[in-house]
Amino acid sequence: MSRDLATLITIGKRAFEEKDFFRAEKLLREAIEGGANYADIQYILGLIYHQWGKLLQAVEHFEKALALNPEYTEVLLSLSITLNDMGRYEEAKAVYRRASVSVDRAGDPAKGSLFRGKIANLHAELGELYLALGQYEDAIGEYRKALTVAPEYPDLRIRMAVALREAGRPADGLAEVTRVLASHPGSIQAMIQQGILLYLSGKKEDARLAWEKALYRDPTNKLVQLYLNTLDREIAAP
């Protein structure tokens, strides 16, 4: 590689790091035209186009990067997220499965931890989508996958509890929030969900206790105040 081409790549990457995307795109495209068809350059161009909302072009460059390096985990994750943004959910799932396999094969604990978190979040995003569509069992399945990858994330377990609640399985949801509170006793969101699930199970006084604990920790929480006021009105009604 010539000195001029190396300089072009270096300046282009620096422009990207400085979020000067227009300059970075121009320089890196010039580098490719000059013969520097490298996976990391294609990856950066894909990120730039994703940032601009040009998703088809982003996919094109991510796929070019993978053609050069099929186990480039960052590219696999970025491609899966882009496909998900485009509504191509089955393709997105297939790609992040490849990313998961790539991480396992790499055997780098620090890198594995980072990418497992990204994969878990992608499962969670799909779970949110299924939940919004009313496909509760699909949502639960995605949250289970997320928790398999990152069991230490309490917010994932709380989302799982919400999906179980919506699926008409309050007892299972309660078991999930109980697990969260065992490891994170100060979690206000877990206390709120615990109260809702207890209320739906007919245990109104236990629900009150859960909500009062949440309100004690967050006295200005309007949602908890609403739940408690509603409960008071129900008890006061003849």
Protein backbone atom coordinates (compact mmCIF):
# COMPACT_ATOMS: atom_id res chain seq x y z
CA MET A 1 0.00 0.00 0.00
CA SER A 2 1.39 3.41 -0.96
CA ARG A 3 2.12 6.11 1.59
CA ASP A 4 -0.58 8.35 0.05
CA LEU A 5 -3.21 5.61 0.34
CA ALA A 6 -2.26 4.88 3.96
CA THR A 7 -2.56 8.59 4.77
CA LEU A 8 -5.96 8.73 3.09
CA ILE A 9 -7.22 5.84 5.23
CA THR A 10 -5.78 7.28 8.44
CA ILE A 11 -7.35 10.70 7.86
CA GLY A 12 -10.65 9.10 6.82
CA LYS A 13 -10.82 7.01 9.98
CA ARG A 14 -9.94 10.02 12.11
CA ALA A 15 -12.74 12.01 10.44
CA PHE A 16 -15.16 9.20 11.30
CA GLU A 17 -14.04 9.19 14.94
CA GLU A 18 -14.60 12.95 15.01
CA LYS A 19 -18.11 12.39 13.57
CA ASP A 20 -17.26 14.27 10.38
CA PHE A 21 -19.12 11.66 8.39
CA PHE A 22 -19.24 13.50 5.06
CA ARG A 23 -15.47 13.92 5.00
CA ALA A 24 -14.92 10.36 6.21
CA GLU A 25 -17.14 8.92 3.48
CA LYS A 26 -15.36 10.93 0.76
CA LEU A 27 -11.88 9.93 1.92
CA LEU A 28 -12.65 6.26 2.51
CA ARG A 29 -14.38 5.95 -0.85
CA GLU A 30 -11.28 7.42 -2.46
CA ALA A 31 -9.19 4.85 -0.60
CA ILE A 32 -11.32 1.99 -1.91
CA GLU A 33 -11.10 3.37 -5.45
CA GLY A 34 -7.35 3.45 -4.98
CA GLY A 35 -7.30 -0.27 -4.18
CA ALA A 36 -7.74 -0.34 -0.39
CA ASN A 37 -10.68 -2.72 -0.31
CA TYR A 38 -10.42 -3.65 3.37
CA ALA A 39 -13.12 -5.02 5.66
CA ASP A 40 -12.75 -2.28 8.29
CA ILE A 41 -13.19 0.45 5.65
CA GLN A 42 -16.35 -1.21 4.30
CA TYR A 43 -17.58 -1.53 7.90
CA ILE A 44 -17.08 2.19 8.62
CA LEU A 45 -18.91 3.13 5.42
CA GLY A 46 -21.77 0.87 6.49
CA LEU A 47 -21.93 2.65 9.86
CA ILE A 48 -21.98 6.03 8.14
CA TYR A 49 -24.85 5.05 5.85
CA HIS A 50 -26.78 3.58 8.76
CA GLN A 51 -26.29 6.87 10.62
CA TRP A 52 -27.72 8.71 7.59
CA GLY A 53 -30.69 6.35 7.34
CA LYS A 54 -29.47 4.90 4.02
CA LEU A 55 -30.09 1.37 5.19
CA LEU A 56 -29.81 -0.43 1.85
CA GLN A 57 -26.37 1.10 1.29
CA ALA A 58 -25.40 0.23 4.85
CA VAL A 59 -26.35 -3.41 4.26
CA GLU A 60 -24.38 -3.42 1.00
CA HIS A 61 -21.19 -2.29 2.74
CA PHE A 62 -21.62 -4.58 5.73
CA GLU A 63 -22.00 -7.51 3.33
CA LYS A 64 -18.86 -6.43 1.45
CA ALA A 65 -16.99 -6.36 4.78
CA LEU A 66 -18.22 -9.87 5.59
CA ALA A 67 -17.18 -11.12 2.17
CA LEU A 68 -13.65 -10.09 3.14
CA ASN A 69 -13.89 -11.29 6.76
CA PRO A 70 -16.86 -13.63 7.43
CA GLU A 71 -16.28 -13.66 11.22
CA TYR A 72 -16.07 -9.89 11.74
CA THR A 73 -18.33 -9.81 14.79
CA GLU A 74 -18.92 -6.07 14.89
CA VAL A 75 -20.10 -6.17 11.28
CA LEU A 76 -22.42 -9.10 11.96
CA LEU A 77 -24.02 -7.23 14.84
CA SER A 78 -24.34 -4.00 12.86
CA LEU A 79 -25.83 -5.88 9.91
CA SER A 80 -28.35 -7.64 12.16
CA ILE A 81 -29.41 -4.33 13.72
CA THR A 82 -29.77 -2.71 10.29
CA LEU A 83 -31.86 -5.60 8.97
CA ASN A 84 -34.02 -5.37 12.08
CA ASP A 85 -34.51 -1.63 11.45
CA MET A 86 -35.65 -2.50 7.92
CA GLY A 87 -38.22 -4.99 9.19
CA ARG A 88 -36.29 -7.96 7.83
CA TYR A 89 -36.58 -9.80 11.14
CA GLU A 90 -35.86 -13.37 10.06
CA GLU A 91 -32.68 -12.28 8.29
CA ALA A 92 -31.70 -10.21 11.34
CA LYS A 93 -32.13 -13.22 13.62
CA ALA A 94 -30.04 -15.42 11.33
CA VAL A 95 -27.23 -12.87 11.28
CA TYR A 96 -27.06 -12.36 15.04
CA ARG A 97 -26.95 -16.12 15.49
CA ARG A 98 -23.81 -15.99 13.34
CA ALA A 99 -22.50 -13.20 15.58
CA SER A 100 -23.13 -15.30 18.68
CA VAL A 101 -21.26 -18.26 17.18
CA SER A 102 -18.40 -15.95 16.20
CA VAL A 103 -18.10 -14.65 19.76
CA ASP A 104 -18.10 -18.16 21.23
CA ARG A 105 -15.42 -19.25 18.77
CA ALA A 106 -13.23 -16.22 19.50
CA GLY A 107 -12.74 -17.30 23.11
CA ASP A 108 -11.93 -13.77 24.30
CA PRO A 109 -13.80 -13.22 27.61
CA ALA A 110 -13.69 -9.41 27.50
CA LYS A 111 -14.74 -9.20 23.87
CA GLY A 112 -17.30 -11.93 24.44
CA SER A 113 -18.85 -9.99 27.31
CA LEU A 114 -19.18 -6.86 25.18
CA PHE A 115 -20.81 -8.59 22.25
CA ARG A 116 -23.02 -10.79 24.40
CA GLY A 117 -24.49 -7.57 25.78
CA LYS A 118 -25.17 -6.32 22.27
CA ILE A 119 -26.74 -9.62 21.25
CA ALA A 120 -28.87 -9.66 24.41
CA ASN A 121 -30.10 -6.14 23.63
CA LEU A 122 -30.98 -7.16 20.10
CA HIS A 123 -33.07 -10.06 21.42
CA ALA A 124 -34.70 -7.60 23.81
CA GLU A 125 -35.53 -5.21 20.95
CA LEU A 126 -37.19 -8.04 19.06
CA GLY A 127 -39.03 -8.94 22.24
CA GLU A 128 -40.35 -5.37 22.51
CA LEU A 129 -41.54 -5.54 18.91
CA TYR A 130 -43.37 -8.84 19.45
CA LEU A 131 -44.89 -7.43 22.64
CA ALA A 132 -46.19 -4.37 20.76
CA LEU A 133 -47.70 -6.70 18.14
CA GLY A 134 -49.43 -8.75 20.82
CA GLN A 135 -47.32 -11.83 20.02
CA TYR A 136 -46.66 -12.55 23.68
CA GLU A 137 -45.15 -16.02 23.43
CA ASP A 138 -42.74 -14.81 20.74
CA ALA A 139 -41.81 -11.90 23.00
CA ILE A 140 -41.23 -14.24 25.93
CA GLY A 141 -39.05 -16.43 23.72
CA GLU A 142 -36.86 -13.47 22.75
CA TYR A 143 -36.47 -12.35 26.36
CA ARG A 144 -35.50 -15.88 27.35
CA LYS A 145 -32.81 -15.84 24.67
CA ALA A 146 -31.60 -12.46 25.93
CA LEU A 147 -31.41 -13.78 29.48
CA THR A 148 -29.55 -16.87 28.33
CA VAL A 149 -26.89 -14.57 26.88
CA ALA A 150 -26.91 -12.01 29.72
CA PRO A 151 -28.65 -13.43 32.82
CA GLU A 152 -27.21 -10.67 35.01
CA TYR A 153 -29.25 -7.87 33.34
CA PRO A 154 -32.20 -7.11 35.69
CA ASP A 155 -34.02 -4.94 33.15
CA LEU A 156 -34.31 -7.92 30.79
CA ARG A 157 -35.91 -9.99 33.52
CA ILE A 158 -38.38 -7.18 34.27
CA ARG A 159 -39.32 -7.01 30.58
CA MET A 160 -39.81 -10.76 30.66
CA ALA A 161 -42.16 -10.31 33.64
CA VAL A 162 -44.19 -7.75 31.67
CA ALA A 163 -44.48 -10.13 28.70
CA LEU A 164 -45.59 -12.95 31.01
CA ARG A 165 -48.14 -10.63 32.59
CA GLU A 166 -49.54 -9.67 29.18
CA ALA A 167 -49.66 -13.35 28.24
CA GLY A 168 -51.93 -13.99 31.26
CA ARG A 169 -49.23 -15.68 33.33
CA PRO A 170 -48.94 -13.44 36.42
CA ALA A 171 -47.52 -16.19 38.64
CA ASP A 172 -44.62 -16.76 36.24
CA GLY A 173 -44.10 -13.01 35.97
CA LEU A 174 -44.05 -12.71 39.75
CA ALA A 175 -41.35 -15.37 39.94
CA GLU A 176 -39.19 -13.28 37.58
CA VAL A 177 -39.51 -10.03 39.55
CA THR A 178 -38.88 -11.93 42.78
CA ARG A 179 -35.57 -13.05 41.29
CA VAL A 180 -34.73 -9.46 40.39
CA LEU A 181 -35.51 -8.21 43.90
CA ALA A 182 -33.41 -10.98 45.44
CA SER A 183 -30.33 -9.66 43.63
CA HIS A 184 -31.36 -5.99 43.30
CA PRO A 185 -33.58 -5.20 46.34
CA GLY A 186 -33.64 -1.50 45.51
CA SER A 187 -35.08 -1.88 41.99
CA ILE A 188 -38.08 0.45 41.83
CA GLN A 189 -39.24 -0.96 38.48
CA ALA A 190 -39.22 -4.47 39.94
CA MET A 191 -41.27 -3.27 42.93
CA ILE A 192 -43.80 -1.61 40.61
CA GLN A 193 -44.18 -4.75 38.51
CA GLN A 194 -44.38 -6.88 41.65
CA GLY A 195 -47.28 -4.72 42.83
CA ILE A 196 -49.08 -5.02 39.49
CA LEU A 197 -48.66 -8.79 39.40
CA LEU A 198 -49.80 -9.19 43.00
CA TYR A 199 -52.82 -6.99 42.28
CA LEU A 200 -53.73 -9.09 39.24
CA SER A 201 -53.41 -12.20 41.40
CA GLY A 202 -55.98 -10.77 43.82
CA LYS A 203 -53.42 -10.01 46.56
CA LYS A 204 -54.25 -6.36 46.92
CA GLU A 205 -52.70 -5.73 50.34
CA ASP A 206 -49.45 -7.34 49.21
CA ALA A 207 -49.62 -5.16 46.11
CA ARG A 208 -50.02 -2.10 48.33
CA LEU A 209 -46.90 -3.04 50.30
CA ALA A 210 -44.87 -3.41 47.09
CA TRP A 211 -46.04 -0.04 45.77
CA GLU A 212 -45.46 1.68 49.11
CA LYS A 213 -41.87 0.40 49.10
CA ALA A 214 -41.44 1.81 45.61
CA LEU A 215 -42.95 5.15 46.65
CA TYR A 216 -40.67 5.31 49.69
CA ARG A 217 -37.67 5.08 47.38
CA ASP A 218 -39.15 7.43 44.77
CA PRO A 219 -41.69 9.75 46.49
CA THR A 220 -42.46 11.71 43.28
CA ASN A 221 -43.29 8.67 41.15
CA LYS A 222 -46.67 9.60 39.64
CA LEU A 223 -47.40 6.11 38.37
CA VAL A 224 -47.04 4.52 41.81
CA GLN A 225 -49.17 7.27 43.35
CA LEU A 226 -51.85 6.53 40.74
CA TYR A 227 -51.81 2.81 41.56
CA LEU A 228 -52.12 3.46 45.28
CA ASN A 229 -54.92 5.99 44.80
CA THR A 230 -56.79 3.54 42.59
CA LEU A 231 -56.40 0.84 45.20
CA ASP A 232 -57.69 3.19 47.92
CA ARG A 233 -60.78 4.04 45.85
CA GLU A 234 -61.50 0.35 45.27
CA ILE A 235 -61.28 -0.41 48.99
CA ALA A 236 -63.42 2.64 49.90
CA ALA A 237 -66.14 1.78 47.34
CA PRO A 238 -69.23 0.06 48.88
